[in-house]
Amino acid sequence: MAYNPVETDDRAELRELQGERLRATVERAYENVPFYRQQLDETGVSPDDIESIDDVTKLPMTTKEDFRDEYPDGLFAVDDDAIRRIHASSGTTGKPKIVSYTEEDLDVWSEVVARSLVASGVEPGDTVQNAYGYGLFTGGLGLHYGIEELGAAVIPIGSGGTQRQVELMTDLESDALACTPSYSLYLAETAEEMGHDPAELPISTIIFGAEPCTDPMREEIEERLGVNGIDIYGLSEIIGPGVSNECHEAQDGLHVWEDHFYPEVVDPATGEPLPEGEEGELVLTSLTKEALPVLRYRTGDLTTLDYDTCECGRTMVRMDNVTGRTDDLLIVRGINLYPSEIEYTVLDIEGVAPHYRIDLSREDNMDVMELTIETAEGFEGDAADLRETILERLSNVLSFTPDELTLAEPGTIGRTEVGKVQRVYDHRG
């Protein structure tokens, strides 16, 4: 059952709608965002050149570096008095990517998340425990308002406090849980320690996102917790969670809500569009966003697109689960991190040398990060105090702490004389 009839529209009608919305989006971007006006002028494309959705390939691409260069609000298309909310996501230089929403944008966001919830098997009147982080991160509030839009009850518990999560889940008989896939396994372990059988917890659905989930990991989640594990996808630059979602009927790819977000898959090296079914980099164009219209955003996520009608009856294209990324973004237990962000956060602490390494491994299908940092030459302070300072700074700035933090003697981390220094050692296969 679809939440919105457009989900099952004839594709010819959908493409006509996409073309109309693309023309309006390009016009909005050209008239209100100097960055896009310059990019379009340099490309030789004007809003009048957009006659159908096929013309999307004429448009310039947008990258995460563009968000960085236009920080904080250079990509905004509305005045401050029209903005109703601001969120942020991680950036490569320690500065976040700032995103904004008008009242209409928030309504659209709530509606596409409600669609995603229905696709996941959630119904009005259900109780959804929202364990995504609230605040500048789009996950918590994005799911929250979509749950309310659907007419379900939300428990806004946020991330962490796992014993409390289990208690409330049991006492309030939650029907669904929204969290990262790795956190759901951690919750299962905690429930066992508390004397519960995870499979006997009341939840029947887990909606997971914010990090990749392999099929073996999904199978373990479903088996250990006795649930349907449903994948949700989104990114702040486009809107947040709710760009696409699996349906519980098929669990065979994530339906992209194409009336709001137009997807392409391109060759990561050339940027050229790839044929249907070939794996490449996902590129998304917002079709209705008012505050922050985005043209052909290079997500860095690798996937494929399938335009066949799904067994659930939805005609909207399905993207495969993201298999990897084209950049060096680290996703550990749902937290997005760049090595440069860790460097930016800790290297101004007295007693820390500018040499570190990150080791990533996987234990029981859960990501584990070990961070090793050298102490500065001549450091004579208390190592325990320095370690606590580093952990506190990481928590306060990045809302993240490594599973293990090792302080190494000066000169013990490998150096290189030629080429780039290797900071990340990924042992996850």
Protein backbone atom coordinates (compact mmCIF):
# COMPACT_ATOMS: atom_id res chain seq x y z
CA MET A 1 0.00 0.00 0.00
CA ALA A 2 1.40 3.38 -1.04
CA TYR A 3 1.14 6.48 1.15
CA ASN A 4 0.88 8.79 -1.88
CA PRO A 5 -0.72 7.75 -5.21
CA VAL A 6 2.23 9.27 -7.09
CA GLU A 7 4.31 6.29 -5.95
CA THR A 8 2.45 4.09 -8.44
CA ASP A 9 2.04 6.63 -11.26
CA ASP A 10 2.63 5.77 -14.88
CA ARG A 11 6.26 6.58 -15.59
CA ALA A 12 5.41 8.78 -18.58
CA GLU A 13 3.26 10.98 -16.33
CA LEU A 14 5.99 10.99 -13.69
CA ARG A 15 8.60 12.14 -16.20
CA GLU A 16 6.35 14.98 -17.32
CA LEU A 17 6.04 16.10 -13.69
CA GLN A 18 9.79 15.81 -13.23
CA GLY A 19 10.39 18.00 -16.27
CA GLU A 20 8.09 20.73 -14.97
CA ARG A 21 9.73 20.67 -11.58
CA LEU A 22 13.24 20.63 -13.01
CA ARG A 23 12.51 23.76 -15.06
CA ALA A 24 11.22 25.54 -11.95
CA THR A 25 14.21 24.39 -9.89
CA VAL A 26 16.77 25.58 -12.45
CA GLU A 27 14.99 28.93 -12.69
CA ARG A 28 14.97 29.29 -8.90
CA ALA A 29 18.66 28.41 -8.67
CA TYR A 30 19.62 30.74 -11.52
CA GLU A 31 17.69 33.72 -10.18
CA ASN A 32 18.54 33.36 -6.49
CA VAL A 33 21.91 31.60 -6.11
CA PRO A 34 24.92 33.46 -7.56
CA PHE A 35 26.98 30.26 -7.50
CA TYR A 36 24.54 28.48 -9.82
CA ARG A 37 24.06 31.53 -12.03
CA GLN A 38 27.81 31.60 -12.64
CA GLN A 39 28.01 27.84 -13.18
CA LEU A 40 25.10 27.84 -15.64
CA ASP A 41 26.43 30.86 -17.52
CA GLU A 42 29.85 29.20 -17.84
CA THR A 43 28.17 26.02 -19.09
CA GLY A 44 26.08 28.00 -21.56
CA VAL A 45 22.78 26.77 -20.17
CA SER A 46 19.81 28.95 -19.25
CA PRO A 47 16.53 27.99 -17.58
CA ASP A 48 14.87 28.32 -21.01
CA ASP A 49 16.98 25.40 -22.26
CA ILE A 50 15.27 22.96 -19.89
CA GLU A 51 12.40 21.42 -21.85
CA SER A 52 12.19 17.97 -20.21
CA ILE A 53 13.79 15.86 -17.51
CA ASP A 54 16.21 14.56 -20.16
CA ASP A 55 17.87 17.98 -20.13
CA VAL A 56 19.19 17.37 -16.61
CA THR A 57 22.45 16.14 -18.16
CA LYS A 58 23.06 19.66 -19.53
CA LEU A 59 23.38 21.00 -15.99
CA PRO A 60 26.65 21.42 -14.06
CA MET A 61 27.33 19.11 -11.16
CA THR A 62 27.52 20.12 -7.50
CA THR A 63 30.09 18.65 -5.11
CA LYS A 64 30.71 18.61 -1.39
CA GLU A 65 33.60 21.02 -2.06
CA ASP A 66 31.07 23.51 -3.42
CA PHE A 67 29.19 23.35 -0.12
CA ARG A 68 32.50 23.94 1.65
CA ASP A 69 33.49 26.86 -0.58
CA GLU A 70 30.04 28.49 -0.23
CA TYR A 71 29.96 28.04 3.57
CA PRO A 72 27.82 28.96 5.40
CA ASP A 73 24.87 30.14 3.27
CA GLY A 74 26.15 30.83 -0.24
CA LEU A 75 23.86 28.16 -1.72
CA PHE A 76 20.70 29.42 -0.03
CA ALA A 77 17.99 30.55 -2.45
CA VAL A 78 15.73 32.40 0.02
CA ASP A 79 16.08 35.27 2.44
CA ASP A 80 16.58 34.61 6.15
CA ASP A 81 12.99 35.45 6.99
CA ALA A 82 11.76 32.52 4.85
CA ILE A 83 13.97 29.94 6.58
CA ARG A 84 12.33 27.84 9.27
CA ARG A 85 15.11 25.41 10.14
CA ILE A 86 18.85 24.92 9.67
CA HIS A 87 20.72 21.61 9.90
CA ALA A 88 24.32 20.66 9.25
CA SER A 89 26.33 17.66 8.16
CA SER A 90 30.02 16.86 8.31
CA GLY A 91 32.46 18.53 5.94
CA THR A 92 35.99 17.63 4.88
CA THR A 93 37.73 20.55 6.58
CA GLY A 94 36.12 20.45 10.00
CA LYS A 95 33.42 22.89 8.90
CA PRO A 96 29.93 21.45 8.44
CA LYS A 97 27.78 21.65 5.34
CA ILE A 98 24.94 23.99 6.28
CA VAL A 99 21.48 23.20 4.89
CA SER A 100 18.22 25.11 5.26
CA TYR A 101 14.47 24.57 4.93
CA THR A 102 11.41 26.69 4.29
CA GLU A 103 8.01 25.78 5.71
CA GLU A 104 7.17 24.02 2.44
CA ASP A 105 10.47 22.12 2.51
CA LEU A 106 9.66 20.82 5.98
CA ASP A 107 6.23 19.69 4.79
CA VAL A 108 7.81 17.82 1.86
CA TRP A 109 10.38 16.25 4.16
CA SER A 110 7.73 15.01 6.56
CA GLU A 111 5.70 13.60 3.66
CA VAL A 112 8.54 11.64 2.06
CA VAL A 113 9.54 10.22 5.45
CA ALA A 114 5.91 9.19 6.01
CA ARG A 115 6.06 7.43 2.63
CA SER A 116 9.24 5.71 3.76
CA LEU A 117 7.62 4.54 6.98
CA VAL A 118 4.63 3.07 5.14
CA ALA A 119 6.99 1.34 2.73
CA SER A 120 8.75 -0.08 5.80
CA GLY A 121 5.49 -1.53 7.09
CA VAL A 122 4.71 1.08 9.76
CA GLU A 123 1.04 2.00 10.09
CA PRO A 124 -0.86 4.94 11.64
CA GLY A 125 -1.32 4.25 15.33
CA ASP A 126 1.98 2.34 15.65
CA THR A 127 4.64 3.41 18.14
CA VAL A 128 8.06 4.18 16.67
CA GLN A 129 11.12 4.48 18.91
CA ASN A 130 13.47 6.98 17.27
CA ALA A 131 17.08 6.25 18.28
CA TYR A 132 18.71 8.56 15.74
CA GLY A 133 20.54 11.57 17.11
CA TYR A 134 18.63 14.80 17.50
CA GLY A 135 20.17 18.22 16.89
CA LEU A 136 22.05 19.47 13.83
CA PHE A 137 22.14 15.93 12.41
CA THR A 138 19.11 15.48 10.13
CA GLY A 139 18.35 11.91 11.21
CA GLY A 140 16.51 12.47 14.48
CA LEU A 141 14.20 15.34 13.59
CA GLY A 142 13.74 14.10 10.03
CA LEU A 143 12.31 10.78 11.22
CA HIS A 144 10.44 12.47 14.09
CA TYR A 145 8.22 14.70 11.98
CA GLY A 146 7.64 11.99 9.40
CA ILE A 147 6.37 9.66 12.12
CA GLU A 148 3.95 12.32 13.31
CA GLU A 149 2.90 13.09 9.72
CA LEU A 150 1.96 9.44 9.29
CA GLY A 151 -0.18 9.49 12.42
CA ALA A 152 2.05 7.18 14.43
CA ALA A 153 3.39 7.86 17.92
CA VAL A 154 7.06 8.75 18.29
CA ILE A 155 9.30 8.06 21.28
CA PRO A 156 12.02 10.71 20.79
CA ILE A 157 14.67 8.94 22.84
CA GLY A 158 17.59 9.78 20.55
CA SER A 159 20.88 7.92 20.44
CA GLY A 160 22.62 6.18 23.33
CA GLY A 161 21.27 5.14 26.72
CA THR A 162 20.84 1.59 25.49
CA GLN A 163 19.52 0.04 28.71
CA ARG A 164 16.91 2.78 28.83
CA GLN A 165 16.10 2.06 25.17
CA VAL A 166 15.41 -1.58 26.02
CA GLU A 167 13.32 -0.65 29.07
CA LEU A 168 11.13 1.80 27.18
CA MET A 169 10.81 -0.52 24.22
CA THR A 170 9.53 -3.22 26.54
CA ASP A 171 7.34 -1.04 28.76
CA LEU A 172 5.76 0.96 25.90
CA GLU A 173 5.57 -2.00 23.49
CA SER A 174 7.24 -0.15 20.62
CA ASP A 175 6.28 -1.47 17.19
CA ALA A 176 9.31 -0.17 15.29
CA LEU A 177 12.83 1.08 15.99
CA ALA A 178 14.74 3.61 13.89
CA CYS A 179 18.53 3.44 14.30
CA THR A 180 21.77 2.47 12.57
CA PRO A 181 22.21 -1.23 11.73
CA SER A 182 25.23 -1.63 13.99
CA TYR A 183 23.38 -0.03 16.89
CA SER A 184 20.54 -2.51 16.54
CA LEU A 185 23.04 -5.33 17.12
CA TYR A 186 24.48 -3.52 20.10
CA LEU A 187 20.97 -3.11 21.47
CA ALA A 188 20.46 -6.86 21.06
CA GLU A 189 23.62 -7.55 23.06
CA THR A 190 22.53 -5.14 25.79
CA ALA A 191 19.08 -6.72 25.95
CA GLU A 192 20.68 -10.13 26.47
CA GLU A 193 22.85 -8.75 29.28
CA MET A 194 19.67 -7.41 30.89
CA GLY A 195 18.08 -10.86 30.78
CA HIS A 196 15.85 -10.33 27.73
CA ASP A 197 15.60 -12.54 24.68
CA PRO A 198 16.13 -9.96 21.87
CA ALA A 199 13.77 -11.88 19.60
CA GLU A 200 11.02 -11.47 22.20
CA LEU A 201 11.23 -7.66 22.27
CA PRO A 202 7.98 -6.10 20.99
CA ILE A 203 9.44 -4.41 17.89
CA SER A 204 8.61 -6.02 14.55
CA THR A 205 10.45 -3.57 12.27
CA ILE A 206 13.83 -1.86 12.38
CA ILE A 207 14.36 1.05 9.97
CA PHE A 208 18.10 1.44 9.64
CA GLY A 209 20.23 3.95 7.82
CA ALA A 210 23.21 6.32 8.14
CA GLU A 211 25.70 3.53 7.42
CA PRO A 212 25.96 0.65 4.93
CA CYS A 213 24.35 -2.65 5.82
CA THR A 214 25.48 -5.83 4.11
CA ASP A 215 23.09 -8.70 3.52
CA PRO A 216 24.79 -10.88 6.19
CA MET A 217 24.45 -8.07 8.69
CA ARG A 218 20.77 -7.59 7.81
CA GLU A 219 20.20 -11.33 8.21
CA GLU A 220 21.80 -11.27 11.65
CA ILE A 221 19.70 -8.26 12.69
CA GLU A 222 16.51 -9.94 11.53
CA GLU A 223 17.36 -13.26 13.14
CA ARG A 224 18.59 -11.94 16.49
CA LEU A 225 15.77 -9.45 16.95
CA GLY A 226 12.99 -11.27 15.13
CA VAL A 227 12.23 -8.26 12.91
CA ASN A 228 12.07 -7.03 9.34
CA GLY A 229 15.15 -4.93 8.68
CA ILE A 230 14.35 -2.09 6.25
CA ASP A 231 16.91 0.26 4.72
CA ILE A 232 16.28 4.02 4.54
CA TYR A 233 18.55 6.41 2.63
CA GLY A 234 19.07 10.14 2.60
CA LEU A 235 21.62 12.89 2.90
CA SER A 236 21.44 16.34 4.38
CA GLU A 237 22.51 18.13 1.21
CA ILE A 238 19.38 16.91 -0.55
CA ILE A 239 16.92 16.90 2.36
CA GLY A 240 17.92 14.30 4.98
CA PRO A 241 16.50 10.80 5.54
CA GLY A 242 13.63 9.96 3.23
CA VAL A 243 15.22 10.29 -0.21
CA SER A 244 14.61 6.57 -0.77
CA ASN A 245 13.43 3.52 1.16
CA GLU A 246 12.99 -0.22 0.80
CA CYS A 247 9.52 -1.68 0.74
CA HIS A 248 8.78 -4.44 3.21
CA GLU A 249 6.96 -6.44 0.53
CA ALA A 250 10.06 -7.04 -1.61
CA GLN A 251 13.12 -5.72 0.26
CA ASP A 252 14.74 -5.54 -3.16
CA GLY A 253 16.24 -2.07 -3.51
CA LEU A 254 15.24 1.35 -2.20
CA HIS A 255 12.47 3.27 -3.96
CA VAL A 256 13.68 6.79 -4.79
CA TRP A 257 10.86 9.32 -4.34
CA GLU A 258 11.42 10.62 -7.84
CA ASP A 259 8.79 13.33 -7.79
CA HIS A 260 11.11 15.22 -5.40
CA PHE A 261 14.60 13.79 -6.06
CA TYR A 262 15.84 12.88 -9.54
CA PRO A 263 18.52 10.16 -9.54
CA GLU A 264 21.29 9.42 -12.02
CA VAL A 265 24.21 7.02 -11.90
CA VAL A 266 27.43 8.29 -13.49
CA ASP A 267 30.94 7.08 -14.08
CA PRO A 268 32.88 8.27 -10.99
CA ALA A 269 35.91 9.12 -13.12
CA THR A 270 34.26 10.94 -16.04
CA GLY A 271 30.89 12.04 -14.68
CA GLU A 272 29.19 10.58 -17.75
CA PRO A 273 25.77 8.92 -17.22
CA LEU A 274 25.83 5.13 -17.16
CA PRO A 275 23.22 2.73 -18.61
CA GLU A 276 20.57 1.25 -16.35
CA GLY A 277 21.94 -1.51 -14.17
CA GLU A 278 25.60 -0.44 -14.28
CA GLU A 279 27.18 0.49 -10.97
CA GLY A 280 28.44 4.01 -10.55
CA GLU A 281 28.19 7.14 -8.43
CA LEU A 282 24.72 8.28 -7.43
CA VAL A 283 23.92 11.85 -8.49
CA LEU A 284 20.77 13.54 -7.15
CA THR A 285 18.91 16.69 -8.19
CA SER A 286 16.32 18.22 -5.89
CA LEU A 287 13.10 18.98 -7.79
CA THR A 288 11.06 20.83 -5.16
CA LYS A 289 13.49 22.21 -2.58
CA GLU A 290 12.93 25.93 -2.03
CA ALA A 291 15.56 27.05 0.47
CA LEU A 292 18.41 25.03 -1.01
CA PRO A 293 17.88 23.79 -4.58
CA VAL A 294 20.68 21.40 -5.53
CA LEU A 295 21.62 20.54 -9.11
CA ARG A 296 23.21 17.15 -9.84
CA TYR A 297 24.84 16.57 -6.48
CA ARG A 298 27.62 13.99 -6.53
CA THR A 299 26.84 11.92 -3.46
CA GLY A 300 29.97 9.77 -3.57
CA ASP A 301 27.76 6.70 -3.02
CA LEU A 302 28.10 3.72 -5.35
CA THR A 303 24.91 2.00 -6.48
CA THR A 304 22.79 0.88 -9.44
CA LEU A 305 19.28 1.82 -10.62
CA ASP A 306 16.43 -0.55 -11.52
CA TYR A 307 13.37 0.88 -13.32
CA ASP A 308 11.27 -2.31 -13.36
CA THR A 309 7.96 -2.13 -11.51
CA CYS A 310 8.38 -3.60 -8.04
CA GLU A 311 6.23 -6.46 -6.77
CA CYS A 312 4.80 -3.98 -4.25
CA GLY A 313 3.24 -2.05 -7.17
CA ARG A 314 5.41 1.06 -6.88
CA THR A 315 6.76 2.30 -10.20
CA MET A 316 9.44 4.58 -8.80
CA VAL A 317 13.00 3.54 -9.53
CA ARG A 318 14.89 1.42 -7.02
CA MET A 319 18.50 2.05 -6.08
CA ASP A 320 20.56 -0.87 -4.81
CA ASN A 321 22.00 -0.78 -1.31
CA VAL A 322 25.05 1.49 -1.33
CA THR A 323 28.11 -0.71 -1.82
CA GLY A 324 30.81 1.86 -1.09
CA ARG A 325 31.95 5.43 -1.55
CA THR A 326 34.12 7.27 -4.00
CA ASP A 327 35.84 9.39 -1.38
CA ASP A 328 37.53 8.81 1.95
CA LEU A 329 34.50 9.29 4.16
CA LEU A 330 34.51 6.92 7.12
CA ILE A 331 31.15 5.67 8.38
CA VAL A 332 31.51 4.01 11.77
CA ARG A 333 28.37 2.99 13.68
CA GLY A 334 26.33 5.58 11.83
CA ILE A 335 28.75 8.46 12.43
CA ASN A 336 30.21 10.17 9.35
CA LEU A 337 33.84 11.12 9.82
CA TYR A 338 36.73 12.28 7.69
CA PRO A 339 40.29 11.72 8.93
CA SER A 340 40.89 15.44 8.48
CA GLU A 341 38.05 16.17 10.93
CA ILE A 342 39.73 14.06 13.61
CA GLU A 343 43.00 15.79 12.84
CA TYR A 344 41.33 19.20 12.96
CA THR A 345 39.74 18.37 16.30
CA VAL A 346 42.65 16.98 18.31
CA LEU A 347 45.92 18.31 16.92
CA ASP A 348 45.70 21.67 18.67
CA ILE A 349 45.67 19.92 22.05
CA GLU A 350 48.91 20.52 23.94
CA GLY A 351 50.97 17.34 24.09
CA VAL A 352 49.65 15.87 20.81
CA ALA A 353 51.93 15.40 17.81
CA PRO A 354 50.65 15.67 14.21
CA HIS A 355 50.95 11.93 13.61
CA TYR A 356 48.07 9.52 13.95
CA ARG A 357 46.52 6.43 12.39
CA ILE A 358 43.03 4.96 12.26
CA ASP A 359 42.51 1.22 12.25
CA LEU A 360 39.06 -0.05 11.28
CA SER A 361 37.97 -3.61 11.90
CA ARG A 362 34.73 -5.53 12.27
CA GLU A 363 33.84 -7.70 15.23
CA ASP A 364 30.56 -9.61 15.25
CA ASN A 365 29.34 -7.51 12.30
CA MET A 366 29.98 -4.27 14.18
CA ASP A 367 32.49 -1.62 13.15
CA VAL A 368 35.36 -0.99 15.54
CA MET A 369 37.72 1.97 15.35
CA GLU A 370 41.10 2.22 17.02
CA LEU A 371 42.72 5.63 17.02
CA THR A 372 46.45 5.86 17.69
CA ILE A 373 47.94 9.29 18.34
CA GLU A 374 51.55 10.15 19.04
CA THR A 375 52.45 12.32 21.96
CA ALA A 376 54.58 15.34 21.26
CA GLU A 377 58.33 15.26 21.74
CA GLY A 378 59.21 16.16 25.31
CA PHE A 379 55.69 15.56 26.60
CA GLU A 380 55.95 15.14 30.35
CA GLY A 381 52.33 15.44 31.37
CA ASP A 382 49.95 12.80 32.67
CA ALA A 383 49.07 10.39 29.85
CA ALA A 384 45.72 9.52 31.44
CA ASP A 385 44.75 13.21 31.58
CA LEU A 386 45.79 13.72 27.94
CA ARG A 387 43.80 10.69 26.87
CA GLU A 388 40.72 12.00 28.69
CA THR A 389 41.14 15.42 27.08
CA ILE A 390 41.30 13.89 23.59
CA LEU A 391 38.21 11.74 24.17
CA GLU A 392 36.26 14.67 25.59
CA ARG A 393 37.19 16.90 22.64
CA LEU A 394 36.16 14.25 20.11
CA SER A 395 32.86 13.76 21.90
CA ASN A 396 32.11 17.49 22.16
CA VAL A 397 33.11 18.44 18.61
CA LEU A 398 32.28 15.34 16.57
CA SER A 399 29.82 13.55 18.88
CA PHE A 400 32.06 10.53 18.51
CA THR A 401 34.70 8.62 20.47
CA PRO A 402 36.80 5.71 19.18
CA ASP A 403 36.45 2.23 20.63
CA GLU A 404 40.13 2.30 21.52
CA LEU A 405 42.49 5.23 21.92
CA THR A 406 46.21 4.52 22.14
CA LEU A 407 48.83 7.14 22.96
CA ALA A 408 52.06 6.19 21.19
CA GLU A 409 55.60 7.29 21.89
CA PRO A 410 57.04 9.91 19.53
CA GLY A 411 58.28 8.44 16.26
CA THR A 412 56.43 5.13 16.49
CA ILE A 413 53.79 5.78 13.81
CA GLY A 414 54.99 5.07 10.28
CA ARG A 415 56.22 7.94 8.12
CA THR A 416 56.54 8.33 4.36
CA GLU A 417 58.98 10.32 2.25
CA VAL A 418 57.17 9.90 -1.08
CA GLY A 419 53.46 10.27 -1.78
CA LYS A 420 50.63 10.71 0.65
CA VAL A 421 50.87 9.48 4.21
CA GLN A 422 48.47 6.64 4.97
CA ARG A 423 46.21 7.53 7.87
CA VAL A 424 43.47 4.90 7.56
CA TYR A 425 43.98 1.14 7.68
CA ASP A 426 40.71 -0.61 6.90
CA HIS A 427 40.78 -4.26 7.93
CA ARG A 428 37.06 -4.83 7.32
CA GLY A 429 37.59 -6.51 3.95
